[in-house]
Amino acid sequence: MLFDYPTKARFGRKIPKSKLYENASVNTKLKDKFVNQIENIVWQYKLAPDTLNLDATDKVPEIQVFDIFLKTKEIDQALLEVIDKAINYPIIFQIHKGNKVKIKAAYKRPSESANNKWVIESYFESEWLDKDMAKQSMPQALDLGKLYEQLLKSLMPVEVSSSKTTQTLDEQVGIINQINSLQKELDKLNSKYKKEKQRNRQFEINKQIKLKQKELNQLTKA
């Protein structure tokens, strides 16, 4: 999960927190969270054609890597959303807490209906990792679009079954979202089953559980 980005791509610029929300519609509560949860934000790497010798694509002109150093144990995802909205490029967040680091990123793409607007979809994240663990070489890719795809794939929680594997990142993220939605439905049904006292209702709920589980199995590898 930890990648060794090229020295040539290092940017290393500290960003004042206020710069990320001063032009956004951020309420006082969110501003307080920026102050209370985040120590520093460093724009650590710019993965771009001139730093990686990889061609840009329409959807991925550059990829940014931000280091976020926490004061608290976790970070509110709403803060990452504010940063994502302020920067019109895909961002890989390296979130630091003591001797641990977590990688988190949203699937982010340009809007098809509005110029200079970006659509921010599902966030994917790693577990908390030891900062001293060996870093992997950055994934090999033909262009920045393919590199972004591989970086996001490394954070996805489940593998898409070979029968559902697609060529576009949009479809892959869509399948992951379906899986997450089905899992939530299963959790609710299982909870409902445990609380239900009537045998006939238990039977009906169990039928629904089996159908949802079958759908889930079709989307994930055994």
C-alpha atoms as a PDB file:
ATOM      1  CA  MET A   1       0.000   0.000   0.000  1.00  0.00           C
ATOM      2  CA  LEU A   2       2.920   2.385   0.608  1.00  0.00           C
ATOM      3  CA  PHE A   3       4.474   3.430  -2.673  1.00  0.00           C
ATOM      4  CA  ASP A   4       7.935   4.838  -3.288  1.00  0.00           C
ATOM      5  CA  TYR A   5       7.198   7.863  -5.457  1.00  0.00           C
ATOM      6  CA  PRO A   6      10.072   9.253  -7.592  1.00  0.00           C
ATOM      7  CA  THR A   7      12.249  11.980  -6.102  1.00  0.00           C
ATOM      8  CA  LYS A   8      11.701  14.021  -9.273  1.00  0.00           C
ATOM      9  CA  ALA A   9       7.976  14.200  -8.428  1.00  0.00           C
ATOM     10  CA  ARG A  10       8.552  15.602  -4.929  1.00  0.00           C
ATOM     11  CA  PHE A  11       6.850  18.960  -4.365  1.00  0.00           C
ATOM     12  CA  GLY A  12       7.101  19.232  -0.570  1.00  0.00           C
ATOM     13  CA  ARG A  13       5.085  22.398  -0.020  1.00  0.00           C
ATOM     14  CA  LYS A  14       3.234  23.006   3.247  1.00  0.00           C
ATOM     15  CA  ILE A  15      -0.315  24.298   2.701  1.00  0.00           C
ATOM     16  CA  PRO A  16      -2.043  26.610   5.207  1.00  0.00           C
ATOM     17  CA  LYS A  17      -5.286  24.936   6.232  1.00  0.00           C
ATOM     18  CA  SER A  18      -7.218  28.175   5.747  1.00  0.00           C
ATOM     19  CA  LYS A  19      -6.272  28.215   2.041  1.00  0.00           C
ATOM     20  CA  LEU A  20      -8.242  25.023   1.503  1.00  0.00           C
ATOM     21  CA  TYR A  21     -11.523  26.258   2.871  1.00  0.00           C
ATOM     22  CA  GLU A  22     -11.475  30.070   2.573  1.00  0.00           C
ATOM     23  CA  ASN A  23     -13.221  29.977  -0.823  1.00  0.00           C
ATOM     24  CA  ALA A  24     -15.513  27.084   0.071  1.00  0.00           C
ATOM     25  CA  SER A  25     -18.849  27.068   1.847  1.00  0.00           C
ATOM     26  CA  VAL A  26     -17.390  25.716   5.071  1.00  0.00           C
ATOM     27  CA  ASN A  27     -19.231  26.312   8.321  1.00  0.00           C
ATOM     28  CA  THR A  28     -17.627  27.122  11.662  1.00  0.00           C
ATOM     29  CA  LYS A  29     -17.962  23.515  12.837  1.00  0.00           C
ATOM     30  CA  LEU A  30     -15.892  22.232   9.903  1.00  0.00           C
ATOM     31  CA  LYS A  31     -13.312  24.988  10.321  1.00  0.00           C
ATOM     32  CA  ASP A  32     -12.953  23.974  13.968  1.00  0.00           C
ATOM     33  CA  LYS A  33     -12.404  20.374  12.884  1.00  0.00           C
ATOM     34  CA  PHE A  34      -9.602  21.482  10.553  1.00  0.00           C
ATOM     35  CA  VAL A  35      -7.933  23.203  13.497  1.00  0.00           C
ATOM     36  CA  ASN A  36      -8.578  20.456  16.058  1.00  0.00           C
ATOM     37  CA  GLN A  37      -7.868  17.369  13.943  1.00  0.00           C
ATOM     38  CA  ILE A  38      -5.078  18.406  11.558  1.00  0.00           C
ATOM     39  CA  GLU A  39      -1.563  19.487  12.528  1.00  0.00           C
ATOM     40  CA  ASN A  40      -0.113  20.040   9.052  1.00  0.00           C
ATOM     41  CA  ILE A  41      -0.892  19.421   5.385  1.00  0.00           C
ATOM     42  CA  VAL A  42       1.991  18.934   2.958  1.00  0.00           C
ATOM     43  CA  TRP A  43       1.578  18.781  -0.823  1.00  0.00           C
ATOM     44  CA  GLN A  44       4.223  16.065  -1.063  1.00  0.00           C
ATOM     45  CA  TYR A  45       4.219  14.885  -4.703  1.00  0.00           C
ATOM     46  CA  LYS A  46       2.956  16.048  -8.102  1.00  0.00           C
ATOM     47  CA  LEU A  47       2.598  13.046 -10.405  1.00  0.00           C
ATOM     48  CA  ALA A  48       2.514  14.774 -13.793  1.00  0.00           C
ATOM     49  CA  PRO A  49       3.847  14.381 -17.353  1.00  0.00           C
ATOM     50  CA  ASP A  50       6.946  16.446 -16.559  1.00  0.00           C
ATOM     51  CA  THR A  51       7.761  14.543 -13.351  1.00  0.00           C
ATOM     52  CA  LEU A  52       6.982  10.963 -14.415  1.00  0.00           C
ATOM     53  CA  ASN A  53       7.326  11.000 -18.210  1.00  0.00           C
ATOM     54  CA  LEU A  54       3.773   9.654 -18.432  1.00  0.00           C
ATOM     55  CA  ASP A  55       1.141  11.184 -20.694  1.00  0.00           C
ATOM     56  CA  ALA A  56      -1.824  12.958 -19.144  1.00  0.00           C
ATOM     57  CA  THR A  57      -5.375  11.880 -20.013  1.00  0.00           C
ATOM     58  CA  ASP A  58      -8.554  13.938 -20.210  1.00  0.00           C
ATOM     59  CA  LYS A  59      -9.745  12.531 -16.875  1.00  0.00           C
ATOM     60  CA  VAL A  60      -6.350  12.465 -15.156  1.00  0.00           C
ATOM     61  CA  PRO A  61      -4.134  15.432 -16.121  1.00  0.00           C
ATOM     62  CA  GLU A  62      -2.138  15.059 -12.869  1.00  0.00           C
ATOM     63  CA  ILE A  63      -2.281  13.131  -9.580  1.00  0.00           C
ATOM     64  CA  GLN A  64      -1.424  14.843  -6.293  1.00  0.00           C
ATOM     65  CA  VAL A  65      -0.150  13.153  -3.133  1.00  0.00           C
ATOM     66  CA  PHE A  66      -0.941  14.957   0.128  1.00  0.00           C
ATOM     67  CA  ASP A  67       0.548  14.136   3.527  1.00  0.00           C
ATOM     68  CA  ILE A  68      -1.847  14.948   6.375  1.00  0.00           C
ATOM     69  CA  PHE A  69      -0.457  14.897   9.925  1.00  0.00           C
ATOM     70  CA  LEU A  70      -3.120  14.412  12.577  1.00  0.00           C
ATOM     71  CA  LYS A  71      -3.562  15.744  16.092  1.00  0.00           C
ATOM     72  CA  THR A  72      -6.326  13.218  16.718  1.00  0.00           C
ATOM     73  CA  LYS A  73      -6.718   9.451  16.212  1.00  0.00           C
ATOM     74  CA  GLU A  74      -8.836   9.810  13.080  1.00  0.00           C
ATOM     75  CA  ILE A  75      -9.839  12.428  10.532  1.00  0.00           C
ATOM     76  CA  ASP A  76     -13.392  13.341   9.621  1.00  0.00           C
ATOM     77  CA  GLN A  77     -13.952  12.396   5.975  1.00  0.00           C
ATOM     78  CA  ALA A  78     -15.756  15.708   5.461  1.00  0.00           C
ATOM     79  CA  LEU A  79     -12.353  17.432   5.783  1.00  0.00           C
ATOM     80  CA  LEU A  80     -10.932  15.325   2.967  1.00  0.00           C
ATOM     81  CA  GLU A  81     -13.970  16.211   0.873  1.00  0.00           C
ATOM     82  CA  VAL A  82     -13.276  19.922   1.408  1.00  0.00           C
ATOM     83  CA  ILE A  83      -9.677  19.434   0.232  1.00  0.00           C
ATOM     84  CA  ASP A  84     -10.802  17.364  -2.761  1.00  0.00           C
ATOM     85  CA  LYS A  85     -13.235  20.097  -3.761  1.00  0.00           C
ATOM     86  CA  ALA A  86     -10.528  22.747  -3.487  1.00  0.00           C
ATOM     87  CA  ILE A  87      -8.020  20.920  -5.723  1.00  0.00           C
ATOM     88  CA  ASN A  88      -9.080  20.077  -9.292  1.00  0.00           C
ATOM     89  CA  TYR A  89      -6.981  16.926  -9.552  1.00  0.00           C
ATOM     90  CA  PRO A  90      -7.224  13.413  -8.121  1.00  0.00           C
ATOM     91  CA  ILE A  91      -5.570  13.267  -4.688  1.00  0.00           C
ATOM     92  CA  ILE A  92      -3.967  10.374  -2.826  1.00  0.00           C
ATOM     93  CA  PHE A  93      -3.999  11.166   0.914  1.00  0.00           C
ATOM     94  CA  GLN A  94      -1.250   9.776   3.166  1.00  0.00           C
ATOM     95  CA  ILE A  95      -2.702  10.253   6.650  1.00  0.00           C
ATOM     96  CA  HIS A  96      -0.127  10.169   9.472  1.00  0.00           C
ATOM     97  CA  LYS A  97      -0.774   9.381  13.128  1.00  0.00           C
ATOM     98  CA  GLY A  98       2.312   8.774  15.267  1.00  0.00           C
ATOM     99  CA  ASN A  99       4.246   5.891  13.698  1.00  0.00           C
ATOM    100  CA  LYS A 100       1.280   4.797  11.589  1.00  0.00           C
ATOM    101  CA  VAL A 101       0.029   5.888   8.179  1.00  0.00           C
ATOM    102  CA  LYS A 102      -3.214   5.252   6.298  1.00  0.00           C
ATOM    103  CA  ILE A 103      -3.718   5.771   2.551  1.00  0.00           C
ATOM    104  CA  LYS A 104      -7.104   7.120   1.492  1.00  0.00           C
ATOM    105  CA  ALA A 105      -8.481   8.431  -1.800  1.00  0.00           C
ATOM    106  CA  ALA A 106     -11.779   9.110  -3.505  1.00  0.00           C
ATOM    107  CA  TYR A 107     -12.602   8.154  -7.050  1.00  0.00           C
ATOM    108  CA  LYS A 108     -12.557  11.618  -8.599  1.00  0.00           C
ATOM    109  CA  ARG A 109     -13.346  12.606 -12.175  1.00  0.00           C
ATOM    110  CA  PRO A 110     -14.172  15.763 -14.178  1.00  0.00           C
ATOM    111  CA  SER A 111     -17.877  16.547 -14.432  1.00  0.00           C
ATOM    112  CA  GLU A 112     -19.414  15.883 -17.838  1.00  0.00           C
ATOM    113  CA  SER A 113     -21.968  18.672 -17.375  1.00  0.00           C
ATOM    114  CA  ALA A 114     -19.969  21.510 -15.809  1.00  0.00           C
ATOM    115  CA  ASN A 115     -16.580  22.960 -16.746  1.00  0.00           C
ATOM    116  CA  ASN A 116     -13.908  23.047 -14.031  1.00  0.00           C
ATOM    117  CA  LYS A 117     -16.098  20.944 -11.721  1.00  0.00           C
ATOM    118  CA  TRP A 118     -15.107  17.544 -10.397  1.00  0.00           C
ATOM    119  CA  VAL A 119     -17.295  14.679  -9.227  1.00  0.00           C
ATOM    120  CA  ILE A 120     -16.140  13.027  -5.995  1.00  0.00           C
ATOM    121  CA  GLU A 121     -17.426   9.499  -5.484  1.00  0.00           C
ATOM    122  CA  SER A 122     -16.601   6.674  -3.075  1.00  0.00           C
ATOM    123  CA  TYR A 123     -13.568   6.866  -0.796  1.00  0.00           C
ATOM    124  CA  PHE A 124     -11.289   3.853  -0.468  1.00  0.00           C
ATOM    125  CA  GLU A 125      -8.697   3.376   2.246  1.00  0.00           C
ATOM    126  CA  SER A 126      -6.026   1.061   3.591  1.00  0.00           C
ATOM    127  CA  GLU A 127      -5.631  -0.154   7.151  1.00  0.00           C
ATOM    128  CA  TRP A 128      -3.305   1.736   9.474  1.00  0.00           C
ATOM    129  CA  LEU A 129       0.197   0.716   8.384  1.00  0.00           C
ATOM    130  CA  ASP A 130       3.621   0.919  10.013  1.00  0.00           C
ATOM    131  CA  LYS A 131       5.505   3.909   8.576  1.00  0.00           C
ATOM    132  CA  ASP A 132       8.727   1.895   8.612  1.00  0.00           C
ATOM    133  CA  MET A 133       7.377  -0.913   6.433  1.00  0.00           C
ATOM    134  CA  ALA A 134       9.106  -1.437   3.085  1.00  0.00           C
ATOM    135  CA  LYS A 135       7.635   0.686   0.305  1.00  0.00           C
ATOM    136  CA  GLN A 136       6.592  -0.833  -2.997  1.00  0.00           C
ATOM    137  CA  SER A 137       7.735   0.463  -6.343  1.00  0.00           C
ATOM    138  CA  MET A 138       5.174   2.719  -7.954  1.00  0.00           C
ATOM    139  CA  PRO A 139       2.899   0.710 -10.300  1.00  0.00           C
ATOM    140  CA  GLN A 140       3.960   0.534 -13.946  1.00  0.00           C
ATOM    141  CA  ALA A 141       1.526   2.298 -16.254  1.00  0.00           C
ATOM    142  CA  LEU A 142       1.245   3.607 -19.814  1.00  0.00           C
ATOM    143  CA  ASP A 143      -0.291   6.936 -18.795  1.00  0.00           C
ATOM    144  CA  LEU A 144      -1.534   8.843 -15.754  1.00  0.00           C
ATOM    145  CA  GLY A 145      -5.054   7.465 -16.161  1.00  0.00           C
ATOM    146  CA  LYS A 146      -3.811   3.883 -15.847  1.00  0.00           C
ATOM    147  CA  LEU A 147      -1.559   4.836 -12.940  1.00  0.00           C
ATOM    148  CA  TYR A 148      -4.511   6.390 -11.086  1.00  0.00           C
ATOM    149  CA  GLU A 149      -6.551   3.258 -11.750  1.00  0.00           C
ATOM    150  CA  GLN A 150      -3.867   1.057 -10.209  1.00  0.00           C
ATOM    151  CA  LEU A 151      -3.411   3.320  -7.193  1.00  0.00           C
ATOM    152  CA  LEU A 152      -7.152   3.192  -6.489  1.00  0.00           C
ATOM    153  CA  LYS A 153      -7.314  -0.565  -7.067  1.00  0.00           C
ATOM    154  CA  SER A 154      -4.683  -1.049  -4.365  1.00  0.00           C
ATOM    155  CA  LEU A 155      -7.165   0.489  -1.885  1.00  0.00           C
ATOM    156  CA  MET A 156     -10.317  -1.345  -2.959  1.00  0.00           C
ATOM    157  CA  PRO A 157     -11.604  -3.681  -0.227  1.00  0.00           C
ATOM    158  CA  VAL A 158     -12.788  -6.534  -2.435  1.00  0.00           C
ATOM    159  CA  GLU A 159     -11.829  -8.113  -5.706  1.00  0.00           C
ATOM    160  CA  VAL A 160     -14.317  -7.953  -8.533  1.00  0.00           C
ATOM    161  CA  SER A 161     -14.997 -11.418  -9.955  1.00  0.00           C
ATOM    162  CA  SER A 162     -13.358 -12.188 -13.297  1.00  0.00           C
ATOM    163  CA  SER A 163     -16.735 -12.415 -14.967  1.00  0.00           C
ATOM    164  CA  LYS A 164     -17.490  -8.833 -13.905  1.00  0.00           C
ATOM    165  CA  THR A 165     -14.071  -7.301 -14.479  1.00  0.00           C
ATOM    166  CA  THR A 166     -14.349  -4.338 -16.821  1.00  0.00           C
ATOM    167  CA  GLN A 167     -11.949  -2.071 -18.618  1.00  0.00           C
ATOM    168  CA  THR A 168     -13.178   1.208 -17.139  1.00  0.00           C
ATOM    169  CA  LEU A 169     -12.586   2.519 -13.655  1.00  0.00           C
ATOM    170  CA  ASP A 170     -16.147   3.910 -13.572  1.00  0.00           C
ATOM    171  CA  GLU A 171     -17.608   0.414 -13.899  1.00  0.00           C
ATOM    172  CA  GLN A 172     -15.198  -1.081 -11.369  1.00  0.00           C
ATOM    173  CA  VAL A 173     -16.128   1.563  -8.791  1.00  0.00           C
ATOM    174  CA  GLY A 174     -19.797   0.999  -9.610  1.00  0.00           C
ATOM    175  CA  ILE A 175     -19.445  -2.706  -8.815  1.00  0.00           C
ATOM    176  CA  ILE A 176     -17.681  -1.913  -5.529  1.00  0.00           C
ATOM    177  CA  ASN A 177     -20.568   0.414  -4.645  1.00  0.00           C
ATOM    178  CA  GLN A 178     -23.056  -2.367  -5.443  1.00  0.00           C
ATOM    179  CA  ILE A 179     -21.141  -4.730  -3.170  1.00  0.00           C
ATOM    180  CA  ASN A 180     -21.116  -2.200  -0.321  1.00  0.00           C
ATOM    181  CA  SER A 181     -24.836  -1.561  -0.753  1.00  0.00           C
ATOM    182  CA  LEU A 182     -25.648  -5.292  -0.734  1.00  0.00           C
ATOM    183  CA  GLN A 183     -23.525  -5.828   2.365  1.00  0.00           C
ATOM    184  CA  LYS A 184     -25.428  -3.079   4.199  1.00  0.00           C
ATOM    185  CA  GLU A 185     -28.736  -4.663   3.171  1.00  0.00           C
ATOM    186  CA  LEU A 186     -27.515  -8.056   4.413  1.00  0.00           C
ATOM    187  CA  ASP A 187     -26.458  -6.589   7.749  1.00  0.00           C
ATOM    188  CA  LYS A 188     -29.915  -5.049   8.211  1.00  0.00           C
ATOM    189  CA  LEU A 189     -31.676  -8.279   7.251  1.00  0.00           C
ATOM    190  CA  ASN A 190     -29.532 -10.366   9.596  1.00  0.00           C
ATOM    191  CA  SER A 191     -30.254  -7.964  12.438  1.00  0.00           C
ATOM    192  CA  LYS A 192     -33.959  -8.071  11.620  1.00  0.00           C
ATOM    193  CA  TYR A 193     -33.882 -11.892  11.548  1.00  0.00           C
ATOM    194  CA  LYS A 194     -32.342 -12.075  15.032  1.00  0.00           C
ATOM    195  CA  LYS A 195     -35.013  -9.776  16.484  1.00  0.00           C
ATOM    196  CA  GLU A 196     -37.969 -11.470  14.785  1.00  0.00           C
ATOM    197  CA  LYS A 197     -39.902 -13.933  17.016  1.00  0.00           C
ATOM    198  CA  GLN A 198     -42.464 -15.252  14.537  1.00  0.00           C
ATOM    199  CA  ARG A 199     -41.276 -18.336  12.652  1.00  0.00           C
ATOM    200  CA  ASN A 200     -43.119 -17.482   9.453  1.00  0.00           C
ATOM    201  CA  ARG A 201     -41.533 -13.998   9.385  1.00  0.00           C
ATOM    202  CA  GLN A 202     -38.112 -15.517  10.094  1.00  0.00           C
ATOM    203  CA  PHE A 203     -38.620 -17.813   7.134  1.00  0.00           C
ATOM    204  CA  GLU A 204     -39.428 -14.874   4.806  1.00  0.00           C
ATOM    205  CA  ILE A 205     -36.485 -12.829   6.038  1.00  0.00           C
ATOM    206  CA  ASN A 206     -34.172 -15.807   5.587  1.00  0.00           C
ATOM    207  CA  LYS A 207     -35.313 -16.137   1.964  1.00  0.00           C
ATOM    208  CA  GLN A 208     -34.386 -12.488   1.386  1.00  0.00           C
ATOM    209  CA  ILE A 209     -30.998 -13.057   3.028  1.00  0.00           C
ATOM    210  CA  LYS A 210     -30.242 -15.978   0.726  1.00  0.00           C
ATOM    211  CA  LEU A 211     -31.193 -13.970  -2.379  1.00  0.00           C
ATOM    212  CA  LYS A 212     -29.036 -11.010  -1.350  1.00  0.00           C
ATOM    213  CA  GLN A 213     -26.143 -13.331  -0.470  1.00  0.00           C
ATOM    214  CA  LYS A 214     -26.411 -14.941  -3.912  1.00  0.00           C
ATOM    215  CA  GLU A 215     -26.216 -11.493  -5.555  1.00  0.00           C
ATOM    216  CA  LEU A 216     -23.180 -10.669  -3.425  1.00  0.00           C
ATOM    217  CA  ASN A 217     -21.439 -13.940  -4.311  1.00  0.00           C
ATOM    218  CA  GLN A 218     -21.919 -13.222  -7.998  1.00  0.00           C
ATOM    219  CA  LEU A 219     -20.097  -9.898  -7.627  1.00  0.00           C
ATOM    220  CA  THR A 220     -17.180 -11.110  -5.524  1.00  0.00           C
ATOM    221  CA  LYS A 221     -14.649 -13.862  -5.857  1.00  0.00           C
ATOM    222  CA  ALA A 222     -15.126 -16.943  -3.755  1.00  0.00           C
END
